């Protein structure tokens, strides 16, 4: 059986909404949101009560085209350093409906390595 891209995307969006009902970024513990496209990975630090994005990071400006686990970990470390400069020690990790595996897990590990509790 072949599944279409539309149903795969719809299933991810449904998972994401189901997860988002439970995760809320606060002033003390903002939410780290992950989005993956075919070519890039995007991260945002969000306070949901105010609707503000405090920091963001992406692989968009990277010179290399392929995104692997090592690159994901690097971007997680870089983003974790941005978070710590803003003065946060704890964040809520929103995996965006993706499986906590591969690149998404590497991003979370990179954030943890930079001293942020996820």
Protein backbone atom coordinates (compact mmCIF):
# COMPACT_ATOMS: atom_id res chain seq x y z
CA UNK A 1 0.00 0.00 0.00
CA UNK A 2 1.24 3.39 -0.93
CA UNK A 3 0.51 6.42 1.25
CA UNK A 4 0.47 9.87 -0.22
CA UNK A 5 2.43 12.88 1.00
CA UNK A 6 -0.82 14.59 1.91
CA UNK A 7 -1.85 11.87 4.36
CA UNK A 8 1.64 11.69 5.88
CA UNK A 9 1.65 15.45 6.43
CA UNK A 10 -1.88 15.40 7.79
CA UNK A 11 -0.94 12.66 10.26
CA UNK A 12 2.07 14.70 11.45
CA UNK A 13 -0.08 17.80 11.89
CA UNK A 14 -2.62 15.80 13.91
CA UNK A 15 0.15 14.45 16.15
CA UNK A 16 1.54 17.95 16.53
CA UNK A 17 -1.82 19.38 17.61
CA UNK A 18 -2.32 16.51 20.05
CA UNK A 19 1.09 17.23 21.59
CA UNK A 20 0.55 21.01 21.64
CA UNK A 21 -2.58 20.64 23.81
CA UNK A 22 -0.27 19.53 26.61
CA UNK A 23 2.81 21.74 26.07
CA UNK A 24 2.70 25.42 26.97
CA UNK A 25 5.76 27.67 27.06
CA UNK A 26 5.83 30.01 30.07
CA UNK A 27 8.03 32.93 31.13
CA UNK A 28 10.18 30.64 33.29
CA UNK A 29 10.20 27.67 30.91
CA UNK A 30 9.73 28.58 27.23
CA UNK A 31 8.99 26.06 24.48
CA UNK A 32 11.54 24.94 21.89
CA UNK A 33 9.68 24.20 18.66
CA UNK A 34 11.18 22.00 15.92
CA UNK A 35 10.20 22.06 12.25
CA UNK A 36 11.85 19.98 9.54
CA UNK A 37 11.56 20.58 5.84
CA UNK A 38 13.13 18.43 3.16
CA UNK A 39 16.29 20.56 3.17
CA UNK A 40 16.45 22.40 6.50
CA UNK A 41 15.69 22.26 10.19
CA UNK A 42 14.25 25.26 12.05
CA UNK A 43 14.20 25.85 15.84
CA UNK A 44 12.33 28.54 17.77
CA UNK A 45 12.19 29.52 21.44
CA UNK A 46 8.61 30.62 22.17
CA UNK A 47 6.66 32.05 25.12
CA UNK A 48 3.08 31.01 24.34
CA UNK A 49 1.29 33.32 26.78
CA UNK A 50 2.66 36.41 25.06
CA UNK A 51 2.98 34.88 21.60
CA UNK A 52 6.65 35.92 21.37
CA UNK A 53 9.54 34.21 19.67
CA UNK A 54 12.66 34.96 21.70
CA UNK A 55 15.28 33.20 19.58
CA UNK A 56 15.54 31.14 16.45
CA UNK A 57 18.10 29.02 14.66
CA UNK A 58 18.09 27.15 11.38
CA UNK A 59 20.31 25.27 8.99
CA UNK A 60 19.22 27.64 6.23
CA UNK A 61 22.50 29.59 6.17
CA UNK A 62 24.74 26.53 6.41
CA UNK A 63 26.95 25.99 3.40
CA UNK A 64 26.55 22.23 3.26
CA UNK A 65 23.31 20.96 1.77
CA UNK A 66 22.87 17.67 3.61
CA UNK A 67 21.56 17.57 7.16
CA UNK A 68 22.73 14.61 9.21
CA UNK A 69 22.75 13.79 12.91
CA UNK A 70 26.08 15.56 13.49
CA UNK A 71 24.76 18.79 11.95
CA UNK A 72 21.58 18.48 14.00
CA UNK A 73 23.61 18.13 17.18
CA UNK A 74 25.72 21.16 16.22
CA UNK A 75 22.67 23.30 15.66
CA UNK A 76 21.24 22.08 18.99
CA UNK A 77 24.43 23.11 20.80
CA UNK A 78 24.41 26.50 19.07
CA UNK A 79 20.75 27.03 19.95
CA UNK A 80 21.37 25.95 23.55
CA UNK A 81 24.06 28.61 23.85
CA UNK A 82 21.58 31.23 22.61
CA UNK A 83 19.06 30.04 25.19
CA UNK A 84 21.57 30.24 28.03
CA UNK A 85 22.56 33.78 26.97
CA UNK A 86 18.90 34.75 27.39
CA UNK A 87 19.06 33.42 30.96
CA UNK A 88 16.93 30.28 30.74
CA UNK A 89 18.01 27.03 32.38
CA UNK A 90 14.96 24.90 31.52
CA UNK A 91 12.89 24.57 28.35
CA UNK A 92 10.01 22.45 27.11
CA UNK A 93 10.88 20.48 23.98
CA UNK A 94 8.14 20.38 21.33
CA UNK A 95 9.09 17.77 18.74
CA UNK A 96 6.46 19.05 16.32
CA UNK A 97 4.77 15.73 15.63
CA UNK A 98 8.01 14.11 14.49
CA UNK A 99 9.35 10.93 16.05
CA UNK A 100 11.87 11.49 18.84
CA UNK A 101 14.52 9.75 16.80
CA UNK A 102 17.45 10.68 14.58
CA UNK A 103 17.75 14.41 13.92
CA UNK A 104 15.11 15.45 16.46
CA UNK A 105 16.78 13.47 19.26
CA UNK A 106 20.19 14.85 18.22
CA UNK A 107 18.86 18.41 18.51
CA UNK A 108 17.59 17.71 22.04
CA UNK A 109 20.93 16.12 22.98
CA UNK A 110 22.78 19.16 21.66
CA UNK A 111 20.61 21.48 23.73
CA UNK A 112 21.27 19.33 26.80
CA UNK A 113 25.04 19.41 26.14
CA UNK A 114 25.02 23.19 26.28
CA UNK A 115 23.68 23.05 29.85
CA UNK A 116 19.94 23.48 29.31
CA UNK A 117 17.52 21.10 31.00
CA UNK A 118 15.08 19.69 28.44
